[in-house]
Structure formats: C-alpha cells, structure tokens
PDB file of N, CA and C in Angstrom:
ATOM      1  N   MET A   1      34.599  25.289 -18.514  1.00  0.00           N
ATOM      2  CA  MET A   1      34.447  23.850 -18.680  1.00  0.00           C
ATOM      3  C   MET A   1      34.261  23.166 -17.330  1.00  0.00           C
ATOM      4  N   MET A   2      34.960  23.662 -16.297  1.00  0.00           N
ATOM      5  CA  MET A   2      34.826  23.057 -14.973  1.00  0.00           C
ATOM      6  C   MET A   2      33.433  23.294 -14.418  1.00  0.00           C
ATOM      7  N   LEU A   3      32.822  24.417 -14.780  1.00  0.00           N
ATOM      8  CA  LEU A   3      31.473  24.713 -14.328  1.00  0.00           C
ATOM      9  C   LEU A   3      30.482  23.694 -14.895  1.00  0.00           C
ATOM     10  N   VAL A   4      30.625  23.371 -16.155  1.00  0.00           N
ATOM     11  CA  VAL A   4      29.749  22.390 -16.799  1.00  0.00           C
ATOM     12  C   VAL A   4      29.938  21.021 -16.158  1.00  0.00           C
ATOM     13  N   ALA A   5      31.181  20.643 -15.898  1.00  0.00           N
ATOM     14  CA  ALA A   5      31.451  19.347 -15.273  1.00  0.00           C
ATOM     15  C   ALA A   5      30.877  19.302 -13.861  1.00  0.00           C
ATOM     16  N   GLY A   6      31.005  20.384 -13.123  1.00  0.00           N
ATOM     17  CA  GLY A   6      30.445  20.444 -11.771  1.00  0.00           C
ATOM     18  C   GLY A   6      28.931  20.334 -11.785  1.00  0.00           C
ATOM     19  N   LEU A   7      28.275  21.051 -12.697  1.00  0.00           N
ATOM     20  CA  LEU A   7      26.819  20.962 -12.816  1.00  0.00           C
ATOM     21  C   LEU A   7      26.373  19.561 -13.213  1.00  0.00           C
ATOM     22  N   PHE A   8      27.130  18.932 -14.095  1.00  0.00           N
ATOM     23  CA  PHE A   8      26.809  17.566 -14.507  1.00  0.00           C
ATOM     24  C   PHE A   8      26.787  16.639 -13.305  1.00  0.00           C
ATOM     25  N   TRP A   9      27.806  16.709 -12.453  1.00  0.00           N
ATOM     26  CA  TRP A   9      27.877  15.832 -11.296  1.00  0.00           C
ATOM     27  C   TRP A   9      26.774  16.139 -10.274  1.00  0.00           C
ATOM     28  N   ILE A  10      26.436  17.388 -10.115  1.00  0.00           N
ATOM     29  CA  ILE A  10      25.356  17.756  -9.194  1.00  0.00           C
ATOM     30  C   ILE A  10      24.026  17.186  -9.692  1.00  0.00           C
ATOM     31  N   VAL A  11      23.765  17.368 -10.974  1.00  0.00           N
ATOM     32  CA  VAL A  11      22.521  16.847 -11.555  1.00  0.00           C
ATOM     33  C   VAL A  11      22.497  15.321 -11.466  1.00  0.00           C
ATOM     34  N   LEU A  12      23.611  14.699 -11.720  1.00  0.00           N
ATOM     35  CA  LEU A  12      23.691  13.241 -11.649  1.00  0.00           C
ATOM     36  C   LEU A  12      23.425  12.752 -10.228  1.00  0.00           C
ATOM     37  N   LEU A  13      24.012  13.371  -9.230  1.00  0.00           N
ATOM     38  CA  LEU A  13      23.816  12.954  -7.842  1.00  0.00           C
ATOM     39  C   LEU A  13      22.380  13.179  -7.378  1.00  0.00           C
ATOM     40  N   VAL A  14      21.792  14.295  -7.776  1.00  0.00           N
ATOM     41  CA  VAL A  14      20.398  14.562  -7.421  1.00  0.00           C
ATOM     42  C   VAL A  14      19.490  13.508  -8.080  1.00  0.00           C
ATOM     43  N   GLY A  15      19.751  13.193  -9.319  1.00  0.00           N
ATOM     44  CA  GLY A  15      18.959  12.170 -10.021  1.00  0.00           C
ATOM     45  C   GLY A  15      19.064  10.812  -9.359  1.00  0.00           C
ATOM     46  N   VAL A  16      20.264  10.421  -8.959  1.00  0.00           N
ATOM     47  CA  VAL A  16      20.452   9.146  -8.269  1.00  0.00           C
ATOM     48  C   VAL A  16      19.720   9.156  -6.929  1.00  0.00           C
ATOM     49  N   GLY A  17      19.763  10.284  -6.229  1.00  0.00           N
ATOM     50  CA  GLY A  17      19.063  10.401  -4.954  1.00  0.00           C
ATOM     51  C   GLY A  17      17.557  10.239  -5.109  1.00  0.00           C
ATOM     52  N   ILE A  18      17.008  10.877  -6.126  1.00  0.00           N
ATOM     53  CA  ILE A  18      15.570  10.770  -6.390  1.00  0.00           C
ATOM     54  C   ILE A  18      15.207   9.329  -6.757  1.00  0.00           C
ATOM     55  N   LEU A  19      16.034   8.700  -7.564  1.00  0.00           N
ATOM     56  CA  LEU A  19      15.793   7.309  -7.951  1.00  0.00           C
ATOM     57  C   LEU A  19      15.819   6.385  -6.740  1.00  0.00           C
ATOM     58  N   LEU A  20      16.791   6.562  -5.867  1.00  0.00           N
ATOM     59  CA  LEU A  20      16.876   5.738  -4.664  1.00  0.00           C
ATOM     60  C   LEU A  20      15.672   5.952  -3.759  1.00  0.00           C
ATOM     61  N   TYR A  21      15.244   7.193  -3.610  1.00  0.00           N
ATOM     62  CA  TYR A  21      14.075   7.501  -2.793  1.00  0.00           C
ATOM     63  C   TYR A  21      12.831   6.798  -3.353  1.00  0.00           C
ATOM     64  N   ALA A  22      12.646   6.866  -4.659  1.00  0.00           N
ATOM     65  CA  ALA A  22      11.491   6.230  -5.292  1.00  0.00           C
ATOM     66  C   ALA A  22      11.537   4.714  -5.128  1.00  0.00           C
ATOM     67  N   LEU A  23      12.716   4.124  -5.271  1.00  0.00           N
ATOM     68  CA  LEU A  23      12.845   2.678  -5.117  1.00  0.00           C
ATOM     69  C   LEU A  23      12.553   2.228  -3.696  1.00  0.00           C
ATOM     70  N   VAL A  24      13.049   2.971  -2.724  1.00  0.00           N
ATOM     71  CA  VAL A  24      12.806   2.627  -1.322  1.00  0.00           C
ATOM     72  C   VAL A  24      11.314   2.761  -1.004  1.00  0.00           C
ATOM     73  N   ALA A  25      10.680   3.810  -1.490  1.00  0.00           N
ATOM     74  CA  ALA A  25       9.245   4.006  -1.249  1.00  0.00           C
ATOM     75  C   ALA A  25       8.444   2.867  -1.859  1.00  0.00           C
ATOM     76  N   ARG A  26       8.817   2.424  -3.048  1.00  0.00           N
ATOM     77  CA  ARG A  26       8.103   1.320  -3.694  1.00  0.00           C
ATOM     78  C   ARG A  26       8.400   0.006  -2.985  1.00  0.00           C
ATOM     79  N   TRP A  27       9.638  -0.186  -2.543  1.00  0.00           N
ATOM     80  CA  TRP A  27      10.036  -1.425  -1.879  1.00  0.00           C
ATOM     81  C   TRP A  27       9.279  -1.614  -0.574  1.00  0.00           C
ATOM     82  N   GLN A  28       8.993  -0.527   0.117  1.00  0.00           N
ATOM     83  CA  GLN A  28       8.269  -0.614   1.375  1.00  0.00           C
ATOM     84  C   GLN A  28       6.823  -1.021   1.148  1.00  0.00           C
ATOM     85  N   GLY A  29       6.368  -0.993  -0.069  1.00  0.00           N
ATOM     86  CA  GLY A  29       5.050  -1.493  -0.400  1.00  0.00           C
ATOM     87  C   GLY A  29       3.909  -0.670   0.153  1.00  0.00           C
ATOM     88  N   GLY A  30       4.111   0.585   0.330  1.00  0.00           N
ATOM     89  CA  GLY A  30       3.038   1.430   0.808  1.00  0.00           C
ATOM     90  C   GLY A  30       2.785   1.312   2.288  1.00  0.00           C
ATOM     91  N   GLN A  31       3.694   0.753   3.043  1.00  0.00           N
ATOM     92  CA  GLN A  31       3.522   0.667   4.486  1.00  0.00           C
ATOM     93  C   GLN A  31       3.571   2.067   5.059  1.00  0.00           C
ATOM     94  N   GLY A  32       2.711   2.347   6.004  1.00  0.00           N
ATOM     95  CA  GLY A  32       2.722   3.644   6.661  1.00  0.00           C
ATOM     96  C   GLY A  32       1.989   4.686   5.868  1.00  0.00           C
ATOM     97  N   ARG A  33       2.523   5.899   5.870  1.00  0.00           N
ATOM     98  CA  ARG A  33       1.814   6.991   5.234  1.00  0.00           C
ATOM     99  C   ARG A  33       1.691   6.754   3.734  1.00  0.00           C
ATOM    100  N   GLY A  34       0.581   7.182   3.211  1.00  0.00           N
ATOM    101  CA  GLY A  34       0.359   7.035   1.783  1.00  0.00           C
ATOM    102  C   GLY A  34      -0.023   5.627   1.373  1.00  0.00           C
ATOM    103  N   ALA A  35      -0.276   4.770   2.337  1.00  0.00           N
ATOM    104  CA  ALA A  35      -0.640   3.401   2.006  1.00  0.00           C
ATOM    105  C   ALA A  35      -2.022   3.382   1.388  1.00  0.00           C
ATOM    106  N   THR A  36      -2.132   2.690   0.293  1.00  0.00           N
ATOM    107  CA  THR A  36      -3.423   2.546  -0.337  1.00  0.00           C
ATOM    108  C   THR A  36      -3.766   1.076  -0.365  1.00  0.00           C
ATOM    109  N   GLY A  37      -4.970   0.790  -0.021  1.00  0.00           N
ATOM    110  CA  GLY A  37      -5.426  -0.587  -0.018  1.00  0.00           C
ATOM    111  C   GLY A  37      -6.897  -0.616  -0.342  1.00  0.00           C
ATOM    112  N   PRO A  38      -7.445  -1.800  -0.358  1.00  0.00           N
ATOM    113  CA  PRO A  38      -8.861  -1.884  -0.680  1.00  0.00           C
ATOM    114  C   PRO A  38      -9.712  -1.231   0.404  1.00  0.00           C
ATOM    115  N   ASP A  39     -10.689  -0.447  -0.013  1.00  0.00           N
ATOM    116  CA  ASP A  39     -11.612   0.182   0.921  1.00  0.00           C
ATOM    117  C   ASP A  39     -12.844  -0.671   1.128  1.00  0.00           C
ATOM    118  N   ASP A  40     -12.992  -1.698   0.312  1.00  0.00           N
ATOM    119  CA  ASP A  40     -14.140  -2.581   0.387  1.00  0.00           C
ATOM    120  C   ASP A  40     -14.007  -3.490   1.612  1.00  0.00           C
ATOM    121  N   PRO A  41     -14.971  -3.453   2.532  1.00  0.00           N
ATOM    122  CA  PRO A  41     -14.873  -4.268   3.741  1.00  0.00           C
ATOM    123  C   PRO A  41     -14.773  -5.767   3.459  1.00  0.00           C
ATOM    124  N   LEU A  42     -15.458  -6.238   2.422  1.00  0.00           N
ATOM    125  CA  LEU A  42     -15.373  -7.664   2.086  1.00  0.00           C
ATOM    126  C   LEU A  42     -13.971  -8.032   1.610  1.00  0.00           C
ATOM    127  N   ALA A  43     -13.365  -7.161   0.823  1.00  0.00           N
ATOM    128  CA  ALA A  43     -12.007  -7.415   0.351  1.00  0.00           C
ATOM    129  C   ALA A  43     -11.025  -7.420   1.516  1.00  0.00           C
ATOM    130  N   LEU A  44     -11.209  -6.474   2.441  1.00  0.00           N
ATOM    131  CA  LEU A  44     -10.336  -6.440   3.622  1.00  0.00           C
ATOM    132  C   LEU A  44     -10.502  -7.700   4.460  1.00  0.00           C
ATOM    133  N   LEU A  45     -11.737  -8.152   4.609  1.00  0.00           N
ATOM    134  CA  LEU A  45     -11.995  -9.367   5.380  1.00  0.00           C
ATOM    135  C   LEU A  45     -11.313 -10.568   4.729  1.00  0.00           C
ATOM    136  N   LYS A  46     -11.415 -10.674   3.417  1.00  0.00           N
ATOM    137  CA  LYS A  46     -10.779 -11.798   2.706  1.00  0.00           C
ATOM    138  C   LYS A  46      -9.259 -11.761   2.878  1.00  0.00           C
ATOM    139  N   ILE A  47      -8.692 -10.580   2.829  1.00  0.00           N
ATOM    140  CA  ILE A  47      -7.244 -10.443   3.000  1.00  0.00           C
ATOM    141  C   ILE A  47      -6.837 -10.860   4.407  1.00  0.00           C
ATOM    142  N   ARG A  48      -7.582 -10.393   5.400  1.00  0.00           N
ATOM    143  CA  ARG A  48      -7.259 -10.744   6.795  1.00  0.00           C
ATOM    144  C   ARG A  48      -7.392 -12.246   7.028  1.00  0.00           C
ATOM    145  N   TYR A  49      -8.392 -12.858   6.411  1.00  0.00           N
ATOM    146  CA  TYR A  49      -8.573 -14.301   6.555  1.00  0.00           C
ATOM    147  C   TYR A  49      -7.425 -15.058   5.875  1.00  0.00           C
ATOM    148  N   ALA A  50      -7.050 -14.597   4.713  1.00  0.00           N
ATOM    149  CA  ALA A  50      -5.947 -15.239   3.986  1.00  0.00           C
ATOM    150  C   ALA A  50      -4.634 -15.132   4.759  1.00  0.00           C
ATOM    151  N   ARG A  51      -4.443 -14.035   5.467  1.00  0.00           N
ATOM    152  CA  ARG A  51      -3.228 -13.859   6.262  1.00  0.00           C
ATOM    153  C   ARG A  51      -3.272 -14.612   7.583  1.00  0.00           C
ATOM    154  N   GLY A  52      -4.446 -15.134   7.932  1.00  0.00           N
ATOM    155  CA  GLY A  52      -4.578 -15.845   9.195  1.00  0.00           C
ATOM    156  C   GLY A  52      -4.837 -14.936  10.375  1.00  0.00           C
ATOM    157  N   GLU A  53      -5.256 -13.714  10.104  1.00  0.00           N
ATOM    158  CA  GLU A  53      -5.499 -12.754  11.177  1.00  0.00           C
ATOM    159  C   GLU A  53      -6.840 -12.990  11.862  1.00  0.00           C
ATOM    160  N   VAL A  54      -7.755 -13.669  11.175  1.00  0.00           N
ATOM    161  CA  VAL A  54      -9.047 -14.012  11.760  1.00  0.00           C
ATOM    162  C   VAL A  54      -9.293 -15.498  11.576  1.00  0.00           C
ATOM    163  N   THR A  55     -10.035 -16.078  12.508  1.00  0.00           N
ATOM    164  CA  THR A  55     -10.357 -17.501  12.419  1.00  0.00           C
ATOM    165  C   THR A  55     -11.485 -17.705  11.416  1.00  0.00           C
ATOM    166  N   ARG A  56     -11.729 -18.966  11.096  1.00  0.00           N
ATOM    167  CA  ARG A  56     -12.812 -19.293  10.174  1.00  0.00           C
ATOM    168  C   ARG A  56     -14.160 -18.825  10.730  1.00  0.00           C
ATOM    169  N   GLU A  57     -14.362 -19.026  12.011  1.00  0.00           N
ATOM    170  CA  GLU A  57     -15.621 -18.620  12.632  1.00  0.00           C
ATOM    171  C   GLU A  57     -15.785 -17.103  12.604  1.00  0.00           C
ATOM    172  N   GLN A  58     -14.699 -16.385  12.901  1.00  0.00           N
ATOM    173  CA  GLN A  58     -14.753 -14.921  12.848  1.00  0.00           C
ATOM    174  C   GLN A  58     -15.030 -14.453  11.420  1.00  0.00           C
ATOM    175  N   TYR A  59     -14.389 -15.115  10.461  1.00  0.00           N
ATOM    176  CA  TYR A  59     -14.584 -14.764   9.054  1.00  0.00           C
ATOM    177  C   TYR A  59     -16.044 -14.949   8.662  1.00  0.00           C
ATOM    178  N   GLN A  60     -16.610 -16.111   8.995  1.00  0.00           N
ATOM    179  CA  GLN A  60     -17.990 -16.394   8.613  1.00  0.00           C
ATOM    180  C   GLN A  60     -18.975 -15.439   9.290  1.00  0.00           C
ATOM    181  N   GLN A  61     -18.752 -15.150  10.572  1.00  0.00           N
ATOM    182  CA  GLN A  61     -19.650 -14.240  11.285  1.00  0.00           C
ATOM    183  C   GLN A  61     -19.573 -12.827  10.700  1.00  0.00           C
ATOM    184  N   THR A  62     -18.358 -12.362  10.453  1.00  0.00           N
ATOM    185  CA  THR A  62     -18.190 -11.022   9.890  1.00  0.00           C
ATOM    186  C   THR A  62     -18.757 -10.956   8.483  1.00  0.00           C
ATOM    187  N   LEU A  63     -18.582 -12.009   7.712  1.00  0.00           N
ATOM    188  CA  LEU A  63     -19.137 -12.068   6.366  1.00  0.00           C
ATOM    189  C   LEU A  63     -20.660 -11.970   6.420  1.00  0.00           C
ATOM    190  N   ARG A  64     -21.280 -12.705   7.341  1.00  0.00           N
ATOM    191  CA  ARG A  64     -22.741 -12.614   7.507  1.00  0.00           C
ATOM    192  C   ARG A  64     -23.153 -11.185   7.882  1.00  0.00           C
ATOM    193  N   ASP A  65     -22.421 -10.605   8.827  1.00  0.00           N
ATOM    194  CA  ASP A  65     -22.741  -9.245   9.267  1.00  0.00           C
ATOM    195  C   ASP A  65     -22.639  -8.245   8.117  1.00  0.00           C
ATOM    196  N   LEU A  66     -21.578  -8.353   7.345  1.00  0.00           N
ATOM    197  CA  LEU A  66     -21.371  -7.410   6.245  1.00  0.00           C
ATOM    198  C   LEU A  66     -22.398  -7.595   5.133  1.00  0.00           C
ATOM    199  N   THR A  67     -22.709  -8.833   4.787  1.00  0.00           N
ATOM    200  CA  THR A  67     -23.690  -9.051   3.730  1.00  0.00           C
ATOM    201  C   THR A  67     -25.084  -8.637   4.191  1.00  0.00           C
ATOM    202  N   GLN A  68     -25.376  -8.816   5.473  1.00  0.00           N
ATOM    203  CA  GLN A  68     -26.669  -8.384   6.014  1.00  0.00           C
ATOM    204  C   GLN A  68     -26.754  -6.863   5.974  1.00  0.00           C
ATOM    205  N   ARG A  69     -25.680  -6.202   6.317  1.00  0.00           N
ATOM    206  CA  ARG A  69     -25.641  -4.742   6.297  1.00  0.00           C
ATOM    207  C   ARG A  69     -25.825  -4.220   4.865  1.00  0.00           C
ATOM    208  N   GLU A  70     -25.185  -4.891   3.904  1.00  0.00           N
ATOM    209  CA  GLU A  70     -25.340  -4.490   2.509  1.00  0.00           C
ATOM    210  C   GLU A  70     -26.770  -4.698   2.037  1.00  0.00           C
ATOM    211  N   GLY A  71     -27.423  -5.759   2.508  1.00  0.00           N
ATOM    212  CA  GLY A  71     -28.814  -6.017   2.147  1.00  0.00           C
ATOM    213  C   GLY A  71     -29.743  -4.959   2.687  1.00  0.00           C
ATOM    214  N   GLU A  72     -29.441  -4.442   3.858  1.00  0.00           N
ATOM    215  CA  GLU A  72     -30.276  -3.394   4.455  1.00  0.00           C
ATOM    216  C   GLU A  72     -30.145  -2.080   3.698  1.00  0.00           C
ATOM    217  N   ARG A  73     -28.957  -1.810   3.159  1.00  0.00           N
ATOM    218  CA  ARG A  73     -28.737  -0.571   2.402  1.00  0.00           C
ATOM    219  C   ARG A  73     -29.457  -0.610   1.056  1.00  0.00           C
ATOM    220  N   GLY A  74     -29.333  -1.744   0.375  1.00  0.00           N
ATOM    221  CA  GLY A  74     -29.809  -1.841  -0.997  1.00  0.00           C
ATOM    222  C   GLY A  74     -31.233  -2.098  -1.067  1.00  0.00           C
TER     223      GLY A  74
END
C-alpha cells in the first residue's frame, strides 16, 4: 500500500511540474527560442509602427519599398 501511495505522489509532483513549465512557457509569450510571429514583412512593419519602433516617415518609406518589391515579383 505504501508503494502505491509513493507512486501516486511522484506522479502528482511530476504532473504539477509539467503544468508549471507549460504555464511559464505560455506566460512568456513566445519570447526567445521557439518564438513564432508573422513572417509577412508588411505585418511586421505594421506591428513595429504600432509599437512606436518606427516613425511615420520610416513606416511610409518602408511600405513603399515593400509594395514596390512585391510589384516587381508579381
């Protein structure tokens, strides 16, 4: 009976550890390794502009550059 109780507590602690690890990974929001974000350059530009990382002039110039590049491909 003590063996069953010991195994129960081990399984319970491992489960709690896995749950905590998953919660911390999700809470970090994908920062660092394994981060997934938009691969679309226009989407990245919009995000950077919304965050204030680029000025309006930089946004407009980069937008022109990207749309011109897309026009050359298509």
